[in-house]
């Protein structure tokens, strides 16, 4: 927490270390997301950003911030983009309150709502009171969007509904959305080492490359054929000229 004080004797609001746009000239001043088109006012302390991040500020007429640079990949590894659903919320207590059984229960609620196996889900708990983030890996971006909607129905959009669904004291409205993560895997050419996107990309690109090469080769052959034809005609014209000269010289000798 930004304002945690172990010696405090008065109960007050807790301010988690949330990043957001704190530039008053931005359209989304006080918001934690770039897509907001108006200032975020009247938010509870648990949802109020305390750390300014310039890339989250949305100014009039501005375009979206540039994509981050590609992640460097170590030899023998491949970067795979995995569709996920993420849900974050601030809950009461300390990190130690959330043992493995509690985390398993949270994952179970989310994965059942998403309609996937529990092994696809994971949960992290960090100090905030505690900031909980549940992540579920999905098979596709469409499946992630559908799961996010289903989870929002089960968990709700208020601290009270989330507390009832999860069996913990939730202090902020849960935020659930589809997204992606990048996972590093062994690039051994087997199993999951080749993504569907790579296979589809090769299936589309290789025929196009073959077509371009075939066109270039055909044009070279056509040009060579034209050049050969022109050379033959020139040689024939040369021979005709020589024959004409020889006949003329013979005529001169006869005269």
Protein backbone atom coordinates (compact mmCIF):
# COMPACT_ATOMS: atom_id res chain seq x y z
CA UNK A 1 0.00 0.00 0.00
CA UNK A 2 1.20 3.52 -0.79
CA UNK A 3 0.11 4.89 2.60
CA UNK A 4 0.80 1.90 4.83
CA UNK A 5 2.07 2.87 8.29
CA UNK A 6 2.74 0.15 10.84
CA UNK A 7 2.47 2.72 13.64
CA UNK A 8 -0.88 4.16 12.54
CA UNK A 9 -3.57 4.23 15.23
CA UNK A 10 -6.47 5.61 13.16
CA UNK A 11 -8.32 3.56 10.59
CA UNK A 12 -8.23 5.19 7.16
CA UNK A 13 -8.42 4.47 3.45
CA UNK A 14 -5.79 2.30 1.80
CA UNK A 15 -4.23 3.46 -1.46
CA UNK A 16 -2.75 0.63 -3.58
CA UNK A 17 0.15 1.28 -5.93
CA UNK A 18 -1.99 1.63 -9.07
CA UNK A 19 -0.59 3.16 -12.27
CA UNK A 20 -2.67 5.65 -14.22
CA UNK A 21 -2.75 8.99 -16.01
CA UNK A 22 -2.25 11.89 -13.59
CA UNK A 23 -1.83 14.62 -16.22
CA UNK A 24 -4.80 17.02 -15.78
CA UNK A 25 -4.65 17.96 -19.50
CA UNK A 26 -5.39 14.41 -20.61
CA UNK A 27 -8.90 13.25 -21.52
CA UNK A 28 -8.59 10.32 -19.12
CA UNK A 29 -7.12 12.16 -16.13
CA UNK A 30 -7.29 9.98 -13.03
CA UNK A 31 -7.98 6.77 -15.02
CA UNK A 32 -6.00 3.54 -15.05
CA UNK A 33 -6.72 2.69 -18.72
CA UNK A 34 -5.78 4.45 -21.96
CA UNK A 35 -9.17 3.89 -23.63
CA UNK A 36 -11.10 6.13 -21.22
CA UNK A 37 -12.48 9.25 -22.96
CA UNK A 38 -13.31 11.30 -19.86
CA UNK A 39 -11.76 11.93 -16.44
CA UNK A 40 -12.24 9.26 -13.79
CA UNK A 41 -13.65 11.09 -10.78
CA UNK A 42 -15.18 9.94 -7.55
CA UNK A 43 -13.42 6.57 -7.56
CA UNK A 44 -12.89 4.84 -4.21
CA UNK A 45 -9.32 4.99 -2.90
CA UNK A 46 -8.73 1.34 -3.83
CA UNK A 47 -9.27 2.23 -7.53
CA UNK A 48 -7.55 5.63 -7.62
CA UNK A 49 -4.15 5.65 -9.38
CA UNK A 50 -1.23 6.92 -7.35
CA UNK A 51 1.60 6.40 -9.84
CA UNK A 52 1.74 8.46 -13.05
CA UNK A 53 2.40 6.55 -16.27
CA UNK A 54 2.64 8.78 -19.35
CA UNK A 55 1.78 6.04 -21.86
CA UNK A 56 -1.64 5.65 -20.21
CA UNK A 57 -2.60 9.27 -20.90
CA UNK A 58 -5.06 9.85 -23.75
CA UNK A 59 -4.89 13.34 -25.28
CA UNK A 60 -7.30 14.85 -27.79
CA UNK A 61 -6.38 13.79 -31.34
CA UNK A 62 -3.75 11.37 -30.10
CA UNK A 63 -3.28 7.89 -31.44
CA UNK A 64 -2.79 4.81 -29.32
CA UNK A 65 0.64 4.42 -27.72
CA UNK A 66 3.16 2.46 -29.79
CA UNK A 67 3.50 -1.26 -29.26
CA UNK A 68 6.31 -2.27 -26.91
CA UNK A 69 9.52 -3.57 -28.51
CA UNK A 70 9.60 -7.30 -29.21
CA UNK A 71 10.67 -9.50 -26.34
CA UNK A 72 14.23 -10.83 -26.87
CA UNK A 73 14.15 -14.58 -27.38
CA UNK A 74 16.97 -16.79 -26.12
CA UNK A 75 18.37 -19.44 -28.49
CA UNK A 76 16.32 -22.60 -28.37
CA UNK A 77 13.16 -20.79 -27.24
CA UNK A 78 10.12 -19.47 -29.11
CA UNK A 79 7.70 -16.71 -28.07
CA UNK A 80 4.04 -17.76 -28.23
CA UNK A 81 1.15 -15.31 -27.78
CA UNK A 82 -1.52 -16.91 -25.59
CA UNK A 83 -5.09 -15.51 -25.34
CA UNK A 84 -6.11 -15.08 -21.69
CA UNK A 85 -8.78 -13.65 -19.43
CA UNK A 86 -7.54 -11.49 -16.56
CA UNK A 87 -9.53 -10.42 -13.53
CA UNK A 88 -8.09 -8.12 -10.86
CA UNK A 89 -9.48 -6.82 -7.59
CA UNK A 90 -8.37 -5.51 -4.21
CA UNK A 91 -9.38 -7.69 -1.27
CA UNK A 92 -9.05 -7.47 2.49
CA UNK A 93 -6.28 -9.13 4.47
CA UNK A 94 -2.62 -9.83 3.90
CA UNK A 95 -0.89 -12.10 1.40
CA UNK A 96 -0.43 -14.82 4.02
CA UNK A 97 -4.22 -15.12 4.39
CA UNK A 98 -4.44 -16.56 0.88
CA UNK A 99 -3.11 -20.08 1.21
CA UNK A 100 -3.13 -22.71 -1.55
CA UNK A 101 -6.67 -23.88 -0.70
CA UNK A 102 -8.03 -20.33 -0.95
CA UNK A 103 -6.25 -19.78 -4.26
CA UNK A 104 -7.57 -23.09 -5.60
CA UNK A 105 -11.10 -22.06 -4.65
CA UNK A 106 -10.73 -18.74 -6.48
CA UNK A 107 -9.40 -20.46 -9.59
CA UNK A 108 -12.24 -22.99 -9.46
CA UNK A 109 -14.91 -20.26 -9.43
CA UNK A 110 -13.32 -18.52 -12.41
CA UNK A 111 -12.58 -21.57 -14.54
CA UNK A 112 -16.08 -22.99 -13.97
CA UNK A 113 -17.54 -19.66 -15.12
CA UNK A 114 -15.23 -19.70 -18.14
CA UNK A 115 -16.05 -23.32 -18.94
CA UNK A 116 -12.44 -24.52 -18.94
CA UNK A 117 -10.34 -26.93 -16.89
CA UNK A 118 -8.88 -25.69 -13.60
CA UNK A 119 -5.36 -26.30 -14.88
CA UNK A 120 -5.80 -23.37 -17.29
CA UNK A 121 -6.17 -20.92 -14.40
CA UNK A 122 -3.69 -19.31 -12.02
CA UNK A 123 -3.85 -16.68 -9.30
CA UNK A 124 -1.31 -14.24 -7.88
CA UNK A 125 -1.71 -12.32 -4.65
CA UNK A 126 0.39 -9.23 -3.91
CA UNK A 127 0.22 -6.64 -1.12
CA UNK A 128 -2.40 -3.96 -1.71
CA UNK A 129 -4.48 -4.73 1.12
CA UNK A 130 -4.00 -7.65 -1.27
CA UNK A 131 -4.19 -7.29 -5.02
CA UNK A 132 -5.55 -10.49 -6.57
CA UNK A 133 -5.07 -11.30 -10.24
CA UNK A 134 -6.64 -14.40 -11.76
CA UNK A 135 -5.40 -15.45 -15.21
CA UNK A 136 -7.00 -18.14 -17.40
CA UNK A 137 -5.37 -19.31 -20.61
CA UNK A 138 -7.81 -19.79 -23.48
CA UNK A 139 -7.71 -21.51 -26.86
CA UNK A 140 -8.47 -18.39 -28.92
CA UNK A 141 -9.16 -14.66 -28.68
CA UNK A 142 -12.87 -15.32 -29.33
CA UNK A 143 -13.00 -17.85 -26.50
CA UNK A 144 -11.28 -15.34 -24.20
CA UNK A 145 -13.89 -12.67 -24.99
CA UNK A 146 -16.74 -15.12 -24.35
CA UNK A 147 -15.17 -16.29 -21.09
CA UNK A 148 -14.69 -12.69 -19.89
CA UNK A 149 -18.41 -12.04 -20.41
CA UNK A 150 -19.38 -15.26 -18.62
CA UNK A 151 -17.09 -14.49 -15.67
CA UNK A 152 -18.48 -10.96 -15.36
CA UNK A 153 -21.96 -12.44 -15.03
CA UNK A 154 -20.88 -14.84 -12.27
CA UNK A 155 -18.55 -12.48 -10.36
CA UNK A 156 -20.56 -9.31 -10.91
CA UNK A 157 -19.25 -5.77 -11.13
CA UNK A 158 -19.29 -4.68 -7.49
CA UNK A 159 -17.28 -5.54 -4.39
CA UNK A 160 -20.41 -7.03 -2.80
CA UNK A 161 -21.20 -9.39 -5.67
CA UNK A 162 -17.57 -10.48 -5.98
CA UNK A 163 -17.35 -11.11 -2.22
CA UNK A 164 -20.45 -13.29 -2.37
CA UNK A 165 -19.22 -15.27 -5.39
CA UNK A 166 -15.64 -15.77 -4.18
CA UNK A 167 -16.14 -16.18 -0.44
CA UNK A 168 -13.63 -13.45 0.46
CA UNK A 169 -13.94 -9.78 1.41
CA UNK A 170 -13.46 -7.87 -1.86
CA UNK A 171 -12.83 -4.14 -1.48
CA UNK A 172 -12.90 -2.98 -5.11
CA UNK A 173 -15.01 -3.71 -8.15
CA UNK A 174 -13.43 -6.59 -10.11
CA UNK A 175 -12.08 -5.77 -13.55
CA UNK A 176 -12.29 -8.66 -16.00
CA UNK A 177 -11.11 -8.44 -19.61
CA UNK A 178 -9.67 -10.54 -22.40
CA UNK A 179 -6.06 -10.04 -23.39
CA UNK A 180 -2.87 -11.91 -24.24
CA UNK A 181 0.35 -12.99 -22.59
CA UNK A 182 3.66 -14.05 -24.13
CA UNK A 183 4.95 -17.44 -23.05
CA UNK A 184 8.45 -18.75 -23.80
CA UNK A 185 8.59 -22.41 -24.83
CA UNK A 186 11.24 -24.83 -26.12
CA UNK A 187 11.63 -24.39 -29.86
CA UNK A 188 12.37 -28.02 -30.72
CA UNK A 189 9.93 -28.25 -33.63
CA UNK A 190 7.68 -30.67 -31.75
CA UNK A 191 4.42 -30.42 -29.82
CA UNK A 192 3.49 -26.86 -28.93
CA UNK A 193 6.72 -25.43 -30.30
CA UNK A 194 4.99 -24.40 -33.55
CA UNK A 195 1.96 -22.19 -33.19
CA UNK A 196 -1.13 -22.39 -35.37
CA UNK A 197 -0.37 -18.87 -36.55
CA UNK A 198 3.04 -19.90 -37.87
CA UNK A 199 1.56 -22.89 -39.72
CA UNK A 200 -1.15 -20.77 -41.30
CA UNK A 201 1.37 -18.08 -42.16
CA UNK A 202 3.64 -20.55 -43.95
CA UNK A 203 0.69 -22.07 -45.80
CA UNK A 204 -0.21 -18.63 -47.14
CA UNK A 205 3.24 -17.20 -47.76
CA UNK A 206 5.03 -20.14 -49.39
CA UNK A 207 2.63 -20.46 -52.37
CA UNK A 208 2.90 -16.71 -52.94
CA UNK A 209 6.71 -16.88 -52.90
CA UNK A 210 6.61 -19.81 -55.34
CA UNK A 211 4.30 -17.85 -57.67
CA UNK A 212 6.60 -14.82 -57.63
CA UNK A 213 9.67 -16.94 -58.36
CA UNK A 214 7.88 -18.73 -61.19
CA UNK A 215 6.86 -15.38 -62.72
CA UNK A 216 10.44 -14.06 -62.53
CA UNK A 217 11.80 -17.25 -64.11
CA UNK A 218 9.21 -17.12 -66.92
CA UNK A 219 10.06 -13.49 -67.67
CA UNK A 220 13.78 -14.30 -67.79
CA UNK A 221 13.16 -17.17 -70.21
CA UNK A 222 10.89 -15.00 -72.37
CA UNK A 223 13.55 -12.27 -72.48
CA UNK A 224 16.22 -14.83 -73.37
CA UNK A 225 14.02 -16.22 -76.17
CA UNK A 226 13.47 -12.74 -77.60
CA UNK A 227 17.20 -12.03 -77.43
CA UNK A 228 18.04 -15.31 -79.20
CA UNK A 229 15.46 -14.59 -81.91
CA UNK A 230 16.86 -11.12 -82.46
CA UNK A 231 20.39 -12.54 -82.68
CA UNK A 232 19.31 -15.16 -85.25
CA UNK A 233 17.63 -12.52 -87.39
CA UNK A 234 20.73 -10.35 -87.22
CA UNK A 235 22.92 -13.27 -88.28
CA UNK A 236 20.57 -14.07 -91.15
CA UNK A 237 20.63 -10.44 -92.24
CA UNK A 238 24.42 -10.55 -92.07
CA UNK A 239 24.59 -13.66 -94.22
CA UNK A 240 22.23 -12.09 -96.77
CA UNK A 241 24.43 -9.00 -96.94
CA UNK A 242 27.53 -11.14 -97.44
CA UNK A 243 25.83 -13.15 -100.21
CA UNK A 244 24.78 -9.93 -101.94
CA UNK A 245 28.33 -8.56 -101.74
CA UNK A 246 29.80 -11.82 -103.12
CA UNK A 247 27.35 -11.76 -106.05
CA UNK A 248 28.20 -8.14 -106.76
CA UNK A 249 31.95 -8.91 -106.69
CA UNK A 250 31.37 -11.86 -109.06
CA UNK A 251 29.46 -9.61 -111.44
CA UNK A 252 32.33 -7.13 -111.37
CA UNK A 253 34.83 -9.87 -112.23
CA UNK A 254 32.67 -11.07 -115.13
CA UNK A 255 32.46 -7.56 -116.46
